[in-house]
Amino acid sequence: MTTSWNETKQIEAHLQGTTHPGDALLFEARLVLDNTLADKVMWQQKAYGVIQQYGRRQLKKEIEQVHQQLFIQPAHVSFAEKIRQLFSIK
């Protein structure tokens, strides 16, 4: 099951909804007729999901690192205190 670069681009356009209406209709017909193409679309969609999850994890790590630097390190105690005062309930 090899996938050409053009087919990969078509699948990506289909998944992102950027295909022209006529091309989208043709691609949908190919999906119905070609089980291999449907499998490729499913696997590419799963790959996008994994990539998105990875990106979210990386972003959470970066946010946590910033939090550690700004709210825990002694060098930023005054900044952390000012932020806590801004958000404290009075």
PDB file of N, CA and C in Angstrom:
ATOM      1  N   MET A   1       0.844  -1.169   0.000  1.00  0.00           N
ATOM      2  CA  MET A   1       0.000   0.000   0.000  1.00  0.00           C
ATOM      3  C   MET A   1       0.897   1.242   0.000  1.00  0.00           C
ATOM      4  N   THR A   2       1.296   1.690  -1.175  1.00  0.00           N
ATOM      5  CA  THR A   2       2.093   2.900  -1.271  1.00  0.00           C
ATOM      6  C   THR A   2       1.179   4.083  -1.576  1.00  0.00           C
ATOM      7  N   THR A   3       1.598   5.226  -1.111  1.00  0.00           N
ATOM      8  CA  THR A   3       0.820   6.438  -1.313  1.00  0.00           C
ATOM      9  C   THR A   3       1.688   7.444  -2.033  1.00  0.00           C
ATOM     10  N   SER A   4       1.182   7.987  -3.126  1.00  0.00           N
ATOM     11  CA  SER A   4       1.929   8.992  -3.862  1.00  0.00           C
ATOM     12  C   SER A   4       1.794  10.340  -3.151  1.00  0.00           C
ATOM     13  N   TRP A   5       2.715  11.232  -3.469  1.00  0.00           N
ATOM     14  CA  TRP A   5       2.689  12.561  -2.871  1.00  0.00           C
ATOM     15  C   TRP A   5       1.399  13.292  -3.253  1.00  0.00           C
ATOM     16  N   ASN A   6       0.963  13.154  -4.505  1.00  0.00           N
ATOM     17  CA  ASN A   6      -0.282  13.799  -4.945  1.00  0.00           C
ATOM     18  C   ASN A   6      -1.481  13.263  -4.178  1.00  0.00           C
ATOM     19  N   GLU A   7      -1.490  11.963  -3.957  1.00  0.00           N
ATOM     20  CA  GLU A   7      -2.603  11.365  -3.209  1.00  0.00           C
ATOM     21  C   GLU A   7      -2.601  11.860  -1.767  1.00  0.00           C
ATOM     22  N   THR A   8      -1.427  11.970  -1.183  1.00  0.00           N
ATOM     23  CA  THR A   8      -1.310  12.476   0.181  1.00  0.00           C
ATOM     24  C   THR A   8      -1.835  13.903   0.259  1.00  0.00           C
ATOM     25  N   LYS A   9      -1.493  14.734  -0.722  1.00  0.00           N
ATOM     26  CA  LYS A   9      -1.987  16.112  -0.753  1.00  0.00           C
ATOM     27  C   LYS A   9      -3.506  16.139  -0.915  1.00  0.00           C
ATOM     28  N   GLN A  10      -4.059  15.243  -1.731  1.00  0.00           N
ATOM     29  CA  GLN A  10      -5.513  15.178  -1.916  1.00  0.00           C
ATOM     30  C   GLN A  10      -6.202  14.769  -0.618  1.00  0.00           C
ATOM     31  N   ILE A  11      -5.625  13.788   0.067  1.00  0.00           N
ATOM     32  CA  ILE A  11      -6.195  13.340   1.340  1.00  0.00           C
ATOM     33  C   ILE A  11      -6.155  14.479   2.354  1.00  0.00           C
ATOM     34  N   GLU A  12      -5.036  15.170   2.411  1.00  0.00           N
ATOM     35  CA  GLU A  12      -4.902  16.294   3.344  1.00  0.00           C
ATOM     36  C   GLU A  12      -5.934  17.377   3.042  1.00  0.00           C
ATOM     37  N   ALA A  13      -6.092  17.722   1.780  1.00  0.00           N
ATOM     38  CA  ALA A  13      -7.083  18.737   1.395  1.00  0.00           C
ATOM     39  C   ALA A  13      -8.483  18.274   1.773  1.00  0.00           C
ATOM     40  N   HIS A  14      -8.755  16.988   1.600  1.00  0.00           N
ATOM     41  CA  HIS A  14     -10.060  16.429   1.961  1.00  0.00           C
ATOM     42  C   HIS A  14     -10.287  16.535   3.473  1.00  0.00           C
ATOM     43  N   LEU A  15      -9.287  16.159   4.249  1.00  0.00           N
ATOM     44  CA  LEU A  15      -9.434  16.184   5.708  1.00  0.00           C
ATOM     45  C   LEU A  15      -9.551  17.607   6.243  1.00  0.00           C
ATOM     46  N   GLN A  16      -8.897  18.546   5.591  1.00  0.00           N
ATOM     47  CA  GLN A  16      -8.945  19.937   6.039  1.00  0.00           C
ATOM     48  C   GLN A  16     -10.123  20.700   5.447  1.00  0.00           C
ATOM     49  N   GLY A  17     -10.811  20.084   4.496  1.00  0.00           N
ATOM     50  CA  GLY A  17     -11.967  20.731   3.892  1.00  0.00           C
ATOM     51  C   GLY A  17     -11.605  21.858   2.941  1.00  0.00           C
ATOM     52  N   THR A  18     -10.431  21.786   2.335  1.00  0.00           N
ATOM     53  CA  THR A  18      -9.987  22.845   1.431  1.00  0.00           C
ATOM     54  C   THR A  18     -10.110  22.455  -0.039  1.00  0.00           C
ATOM     55  N   THR A  19     -10.762  21.342  -0.305  1.00  0.00           N
ATOM     56  CA  THR A  19     -10.918  20.864  -1.675  1.00  0.00           C
ATOM     57  C   THR A  19     -12.029  21.652  -2.368  1.00  0.00           C
ATOM     58  N   HIS A  20     -11.849  21.930  -3.650  1.00  0.00           N
ATOM     59  CA  HIS A  20     -12.904  22.567  -4.431  1.00  0.00           C
ATOM     60  C   HIS A  20     -14.108  21.621  -4.484  1.00  0.00           C
ATOM     61  N   PRO A  21     -15.329  22.168  -4.532  1.00  0.00           N
ATOM     62  CA  PRO A  21     -16.526  21.312  -4.476  1.00  0.00           C
ATOM     63  C   PRO A  21     -16.549  20.174  -5.492  1.00  0.00           C
ATOM     64  N   GLY A  22     -16.168  20.441  -6.718  1.00  0.00           N
ATOM     65  CA  GLY A  22     -16.156  19.386  -7.733  1.00  0.00           C
ATOM     66  C   GLY A  22     -15.140  18.304  -7.419  1.00  0.00           C
ATOM     67  N   ASP A  23     -13.954  18.719  -6.986  1.00  0.00           N
ATOM     68  CA  ASP A  23     -12.909  17.769  -6.620  1.00  0.00           C
ATOM     69  C   ASP A  23     -13.303  16.980  -5.373  1.00  0.00           C
ATOM     70  N   ALA A  24     -13.989  17.656  -4.449  1.00  0.00           N
ATOM     71  CA  ALA A  24     -14.430  16.983  -3.227  1.00  0.00           C
ATOM     72  C   ALA A  24     -15.424  15.880  -3.563  1.00  0.00           C
ATOM     73  N   LEU A  25     -16.334  16.158  -4.473  1.00  0.00           N
ATOM     74  CA  LEU A  25     -17.319  15.159  -4.885  1.00  0.00           C
ATOM     75  C   LEU A  25     -16.637  13.974  -5.554  1.00  0.00           C
ATOM     76  N   LEU A  26     -15.674  14.244  -6.393  1.00  0.00           N
ATOM     77  CA  LEU A  26     -14.920  13.183  -7.066  1.00  0.00           C
ATOM     78  C   LEU A  26     -14.141  12.354  -6.050  1.00  0.00           C
ATOM     79  N   PHE A  27     -13.532  13.018  -5.075  1.00  0.00           N
ATOM     80  CA  PHE A  27     -12.770  12.306  -4.052  1.00  0.00           C
ATOM     81  C   PHE A  27     -13.699  11.431  -3.212  1.00  0.00           C
ATOM     82  N   GLU A  28     -14.860  11.949  -2.858  1.00  0.00           N
ATOM     83  CA  GLU A  28     -15.836  11.156  -2.093  1.00  0.00           C
ATOM     84  C   GLU A  28     -16.254   9.899  -2.864  1.00  0.00           C
ATOM     85  N   ALA A  29     -16.425  10.031  -4.168  1.00  0.00           N
ATOM     86  CA  ALA A  29     -16.773   8.871  -4.997  1.00  0.00           C
ATOM     87  C   ALA A  29     -15.635   7.854  -4.988  1.00  0.00           C
ATOM     88  N   ARG A  30     -14.395   8.352  -5.077  1.00  0.00           N
ATOM     89  CA  ARG A  30     -13.246   7.441  -5.022  1.00  0.00           C
ATOM     90  C   ARG A  30     -13.187   6.721  -3.684  1.00  0.00           C
ATOM     91  N   LEU A  31     -13.529   7.428  -2.594  1.00  0.00           N
ATOM     92  CA  LEU A  31     -13.534   6.806  -1.266  1.00  0.00           C
ATOM     93  C   LEU A  31     -14.515   5.646  -1.194  1.00  0.00           C
ATOM     94  N   VAL A  32     -15.678   5.830  -1.806  1.00  0.00           N
ATOM     95  CA  VAL A  32     -16.695   4.775  -1.792  1.00  0.00           C
ATOM     96  C   VAL A  32     -16.227   3.564  -2.589  1.00  0.00           C
ATOM     97  N   LEU A  33     -15.552   3.811  -3.685  1.00  0.00           N
ATOM     98  CA  LEU A  33     -15.158   2.724  -4.579  1.00  0.00           C
ATOM     99  C   LEU A  33     -13.833   2.063  -4.214  1.00  0.00           C
ATOM    100  N   ASP A  34     -12.980   2.766  -3.502  1.00  0.00           N
ATOM    101  CA  ASP A  34     -11.625   2.274  -3.240  1.00  0.00           C
ATOM    102  C   ASP A  34     -11.378   2.136  -1.740  1.00  0.00           C
ATOM    103  N   ASN A  35     -11.458   0.885  -1.256  1.00  0.00           N
ATOM    104  CA  ASN A  35     -11.254   0.635   0.167  1.00  0.00           C
ATOM    105  C   ASN A  35      -9.832   0.987   0.617  1.00  0.00           C
ATOM    106  N   THR A  36      -8.867   0.821  -0.266  1.00  0.00           N
ATOM    107  CA  THR A  36      -7.487   1.155   0.069  1.00  0.00           C
ATOM    108  C   THR A  36      -7.354   2.651   0.327  1.00  0.00           C
ATOM    109  N   LEU A  37      -7.992   3.446  -0.500  1.00  0.00           N
ATOM    110  CA  LEU A  37      -7.965   4.897  -0.310  1.00  0.00           C
ATOM    111  C   LEU A  37      -8.637   5.269   1.015  1.00  0.00           C
ATOM    112  N   ALA A  38      -9.740   4.618   1.322  1.00  0.00           N
ATOM    113  CA  ALA A  38     -10.424   4.876   2.593  1.00  0.00           C
ATOM    114  C   ALA A  38      -9.520   4.546   3.773  1.00  0.00           C
ATOM    115  N   ASP A  39      -8.757   3.466   3.663  1.00  0.00           N
ATOM    116  CA  ASP A  39      -7.801   3.116   4.721  1.00  0.00           C
ATOM    117  C   ASP A  39      -6.717   4.186   4.861  1.00  0.00           C
ATOM    118  N   LYS A  40      -6.226   4.657   3.722  1.00  0.00           N
ATOM    119  CA  LYS A  40      -5.187   5.687   3.750  1.00  0.00           C
ATOM    120  C   LYS A  40      -5.704   6.959   4.420  1.00  0.00           C
ATOM    121  N   VAL A  41      -6.931   7.330   4.117  1.00  0.00           N
ATOM    122  CA  VAL A  41      -7.539   8.512   4.732  1.00  0.00           C
ATOM    123  C   VAL A  41      -7.646   8.307   6.240  1.00  0.00           C
ATOM    124  N   MET A  42      -8.096   7.123   6.660  1.00  0.00           N
ATOM    125  CA  MET A  42      -8.237   6.837   8.087  1.00  0.00           C
ATOM    126  C   MET A  42      -6.875   6.926   8.783  1.00  0.00           C
ATOM    127  N   TRP A  43      -5.840   6.348   8.203  1.00  0.00           N
ATOM    128  CA  TRP A  43      -4.521   6.361   8.830  1.00  0.00           C
ATOM    129  C   TRP A  43      -3.922   7.760   8.863  1.00  0.00           C
ATOM    130  N   GLN A  44      -4.155   8.539   7.821  1.00  0.00           N
ATOM    131  CA  GLN A  44      -3.647   9.906   7.825  1.00  0.00           C
ATOM    132  C   GLN A  44      -4.378  10.729   8.894  1.00  0.00           C
ATOM    133  N   GLN A  45      -5.673  10.487   9.057  1.00  0.00           N
ATOM    134  CA  GLN A  45      -6.435  11.185  10.086  1.00  0.00           C
ATOM    135  C   GLN A  45      -5.923  10.797  11.478  1.00  0.00           C
ATOM    136  N   LYS A  46      -5.631   9.517  11.676  1.00  0.00           N
ATOM    137  CA  LYS A  46      -5.079   9.073  12.963  1.00  0.00           C
ATOM    138  C   LYS A  46      -3.716   9.707  13.212  1.00  0.00           C
ATOM    139  N   ALA A  47      -2.900   9.804  12.173  1.00  0.00           N
ATOM    140  CA  ALA A  47      -1.577  10.431  12.310  1.00  0.00           C
ATOM    141  C   ALA A  47      -1.732  11.890  12.735  1.00  0.00           C
ATOM    142  N   TYR A  48      -2.681  12.603  12.150  1.00  0.00           N
ATOM    143  CA  TYR A  48      -2.922  13.988  12.536  1.00  0.00           C
ATOM    144  C   TYR A  48      -3.334  14.071  14.004  1.00  0.00           C
ATOM    145  N   GLY A  49      -4.140  13.137  14.463  1.00  0.00           N
ATOM    146  CA  GLY A  49      -4.555  13.111  15.861  1.00  0.00           C
ATOM    147  C   GLY A  49      -3.379  12.915  16.801  1.00  0.00           C
ATOM    148  N   VAL A  50      -2.485  12.002  16.446  1.00  0.00           N
ATOM    149  CA  VAL A  50      -1.300  11.742  17.267  1.00  0.00           C
ATOM    150  C   VAL A  50      -0.400  12.984  17.301  1.00  0.00           C
ATOM    151  N   ILE A  51      -0.231  13.608  16.160  1.00  0.00           N
ATOM    152  CA  ILE A  51       0.596  14.816  16.082  1.00  0.00           C
ATOM    153  C   ILE A  51      -0.014  15.931  16.939  1.00  0.00           C
ATOM    154  N   GLN A  52      -1.314  16.069  16.884  1.00  0.00           N
ATOM    155  CA  GLN A  52      -1.994  17.099  17.684  1.00  0.00           C
ATOM    156  C   GLN A  52      -1.817  16.823  19.176  1.00  0.00           C
ATOM    157  N   GLN A  53      -1.960  15.568  19.590  1.00  0.00           N
ATOM    158  CA  GLN A  53      -1.764  15.221  20.995  1.00  0.00           C
ATOM    159  C   GLN A  53      -0.332  15.518  21.435  1.00  0.00           C
ATOM    160  N   TYR A  54       0.622  15.188  20.599  1.00  0.00           N
ATOM    161  CA  TYR A  54       2.025  15.464  20.908  1.00  0.00           C
ATOM    162  C   TYR A  54       2.240  16.970  21.086  1.00  0.00           C
ATOM    163  N   GLY A  55       1.681  17.748  20.180  1.00  0.00           N
ATOM    164  CA  GLY A  55       1.808  19.203  20.264  1.00  0.00           C
ATOM    165  C   GLY A  55       1.214  19.756  21.547  1.00  0.00           C
ATOM    166  N   ARG A  56       0.071  19.224  21.955  1.00  0.00           N
ATOM    167  CA  ARG A  56      -0.550  19.673  23.204  1.00  0.00           C
ATOM    168  C   ARG A  56       0.313  19.333  24.403  1.00  0.00           C
ATOM    169  N   ARG A  57       0.887  18.144  24.405  1.00  0.00           N
ATOM    170  CA  ARG A  57       1.772  17.752  25.514  1.00  0.00           C
ATOM    171  C   ARG A  57       2.989  18.665  25.581  1.00  0.00           C
ATOM    172  N   GLN A  58       3.557  18.967  24.422  1.00  0.00           N
ATOM    173  CA  GLN A  58       4.716  19.847  24.391  1.00  0.00           C
ATOM    174  C   GLN A  58       4.352  21.240  24.913  1.00  0.00           C
ATOM    175  N   LEU A  59       3.199  21.751  24.510  1.00  0.00           N
ATOM    176  CA  LEU A  59       2.760  23.056  24.967  1.00  0.00           C
ATOM    177  C   LEU A  59       2.549  23.071  26.477  1.00  0.00           C
ATOM    178  N   LYS A  60       1.956  22.012  27.010  1.00  0.00           N
ATOM    179  CA  LYS A  60       1.758  21.915  28.463  1.00  0.00           C
ATOM    180  C   LYS A  60       3.102  21.919  29.191  1.00  0.00           C
ATOM    181  N   LYS A  61       4.085  21.203  28.630  1.00  0.00           N
ATOM    182  CA  LYS A  61       5.422  21.183  29.240  1.00  0.00           C
ATOM    183  C   LYS A  61       6.027  22.582  29.251  1.00  0.00           C
ATOM    184  N   GLU A  62       5.902  23.293  28.149  1.00  0.00           N
ATOM    185  CA  GLU A  62       6.456  24.643  28.071  1.00  0.00           C
ATOM    186  C   GLU A  62       5.759  25.580  29.055  1.00  0.00           C
ATOM    187  N   ILE A  63       4.450  25.477  29.167  1.00  0.00           N
ATOM    188  CA  ILE A  63       3.703  26.311  30.114  1.00  0.00           C
ATOM    189  C   ILE A  63       4.137  25.996  31.541  1.00  0.00           C
ATOM    190  N   GLU A  64       4.316  24.735  31.845  1.00  0.00           N
ATOM    191  CA  GLU A  64       4.756  24.340  33.187  1.00  0.00           C
ATOM    192  C   GLU A  64       6.155  24.880  33.478  1.00  0.00           C
ATOM    193  N   GLN A  65       7.037  24.872  32.483  1.00  0.00           N
ATOM    194  CA  GLN A  65       8.385  25.415  32.674  1.00  0.00           C
ATOM    195  C   GLN A  65       8.332  26.911  32.975  1.00  0.00           C
ATOM    196  N   VAL A  66       7.480  27.632  32.256  1.00  0.00           N
ATOM    197  CA  VAL A  66       7.331  29.062  32.511  1.00  0.00           C
ATOM    198  C   VAL A  66       6.768  29.281  33.908  1.00  0.00           C
ATOM    199  N   HIS A  67       5.782  28.473  34.274  1.00  0.00           N
ATOM    200  CA  HIS A  67       5.204  28.567  35.618  1.00  0.00           C
ATOM    201  C   HIS A  67       6.277  28.345  36.681  1.00  0.00           C
ATOM    202  N   GLN A  68       7.101  27.333  36.485  1.00  0.00           N
ATOM    203  CA  GLN A  68       8.173  27.044  37.431  1.00  0.00           C
ATOM    204  C   GLN A  68       9.117  28.244  37.557  1.00  0.00           C
ATOM    205  N   GLN A  69       9.452  28.837  36.431  1.00  0.00           N
ATOM    206  CA  GLN A  69      10.389  29.963  36.449  1.00  0.00           C
ATOM    207  C   GLN A  69       9.785  31.190  37.133  1.00  0.00           C
ATOM    208  N   LEU A  70       8.526  31.479  36.839  1.00  0.00           N
ATOM    209  CA  LEU A  70       7.942  32.723  37.331  1.00  0.00           C
ATOM    210  C   LEU A  70       7.374  32.634  38.744  1.00  0.00           C
ATOM    211  N   PHE A  71       6.909  31.470  39.144  1.00  0.00           N
ATOM    212  CA  PHE A  71       6.207  31.393  40.422  1.00  0.00           C
ATOM    213  C   PHE A  71       6.937  30.602  41.500  1.00  0.00           C
ATOM    214  N   ILE A  72       8.034  29.955  41.156  1.00  0.00           N
ATOM    215  CA  ILE A  72       8.708  29.131  42.150  1.00  0.00           C
ATOM    216  C   ILE A  72      10.136  29.600  42.403  1.00  0.00           C
ATOM    217  N   GLN A  73      10.817  30.048  41.390  1.00  0.00           N
ATOM    218  CA  GLN A  73      12.208  30.476  41.573  1.00  0.00           C
ATOM    219  C   GLN A  73      12.270  31.753  42.417  1.00  0.00           C
ATOM    220  N   PRO A  74      13.194  31.801  43.327  1.00  0.00           N
ATOM    221  CA  PRO A  74      13.308  32.952  44.235  1.00  0.00           C
ATOM    222  C   PRO A  74      13.523  34.295  43.516  1.00  0.00           C
ATOM    223  N   ALA A  75      14.111  34.280  42.347  1.00  0.00           N
ATOM    224  CA  ALA A  75      14.397  35.523  41.633  1.00  0.00           C
ATOM    225  C   ALA A  75      13.121  36.273  41.225  1.00  0.00           C
ATOM    226  N   HIS A  76      11.999  35.556  41.161  1.00  0.00           N
ATOM    227  CA  HIS A  76      10.754  36.160  40.679  1.00  0.00           C
ATOM    228  C   HIS A  76       9.679  36.243  41.759  1.00  0.00           C
ATOM    229  N   VAL A  77      10.082  36.255  43.011  1.00  0.00           N
ATOM    230  CA  VAL A  77       9.117  36.259  44.119  1.00  0.00           C
ATOM    231  C   VAL A  77       8.222  37.491  44.067  1.00  0.00           C
ATOM    232  N   SER A  78       8.790  38.660  43.811  1.00  0.00           N
ATOM    233  CA  SER A  78       7.975  39.882  43.806  1.00  0.00           C
ATOM    234  C   SER A  78       6.967  39.865  42.659  1.00  0.00           C
ATOM    235  N   PHE A  79       7.379  39.369  41.499  1.00  0.00           N
ATOM    236  CA  PHE A  79       6.449  39.259  40.375  1.00  0.00           C
ATOM    237  C   PHE A  79       5.306  38.306  40.716  1.00  0.00           C
ATOM    238  N   ALA A  80       5.630  37.156  41.270  1.00  0.00           N
ATOM    239  CA  ALA A  80       4.608  36.170  41.629  1.00  0.00           C
ATOM    240  C   ALA A  80       3.631  36.758  42.640  1.00  0.00           C
ATOM    241  N   GLU A  81       4.137  37.519  43.584  1.00  0.00           N
ATOM    242  CA  GLU A  81       3.275  38.126  44.597  1.00  0.00           C
ATOM    243  C   GLU A  81       2.334  39.158  43.977  1.00  0.00           C
ATOM    244  N   LYS A  82       2.840  39.956  43.047  1.00  0.00           N
ATOM    245  CA  LYS A  82       1.993  40.936  42.360  1.00  0.00           C
ATOM    246  C   LYS A  82       0.867  40.252  41.581  1.00  0.00           C
ATOM    247  N   ILE A  83       1.187  39.163  40.910  1.00  0.00           N
ATOM    248  CA  ILE A  83       0.181  38.421  40.145  1.00  0.00           C
ATOM    249  C   ILE A  83      -0.871  37.838  41.090  1.00  0.00           C
ATOM    250  N   ARG A  84      -0.437  37.277  42.204  1.00  0.00           N
ATOM    251  CA  ARG A  84      -1.390  36.712  43.172  1.00  0.00           C
ATOM    252  C   ARG A  84      -2.299  37.791  43.726  1.00  0.00           C
ATOM    253  N   GLN A  85      -1.778  38.991  43.943  1.00  0.00           N
ATOM    254  CA  GLN A  85      -2.598  40.083  44.444  1.00  0.00           C
ATOM    255  C   GLN A  85      -3.629  40.520  43.406  1.00  0.00           C
ATOM    256  N   LEU A  86      -3.236  40.528  42.151  1.00  0.00           N
ATOM    257  CA  LEU A  86      -4.179  40.896  41.090  1.00  0.00           C
ATOM    258  C   LEU A  86      -5.388  39.965  41.047  1.00  0.00           C
ATOM    259  N   PHE A  87      -5.154  38.697  41.323  1.00  0.00           N
ATOM    260  CA  PHE A  87      -6.214  37.709  41.200  1.00  0.00           C
ATOM    261  C   PHE A  87      -6.816  37.279  42.537  1.00  0.00           C
ATOM    262  N   SER A  88      -6.440  37.935  43.612  1.00  0.00           N
ATOM    263  CA  SER A  88      -7.009  37.560  44.910  1.00  0.00           C
ATOM    264  C   SER A  88      -8.396  38.146  45.064  1.00  0.00           C
ATOM    265  N   ILE A  89      -9.229  37.445  45.768  1.00  0.00           N
ATOM    266  CA  ILE A  89     -10.600  37.886  46.030  1.00  0.00           C
ATOM    267  C   ILE A  89     -10.556  38.836  47.224  1.00  0.00           C
ATOM    268  N   LYS A  90     -11.137  39.990  47.062  1.00  0.00           N
ATOM    269  CA  LYS A  90     -11.118  40.987  48.138  1.00  0.00           C
ATOM    270  C   LYS A  90     -12.490  41.185  48.705  1.00  0.00           C
TER     271      LYS A  90
END
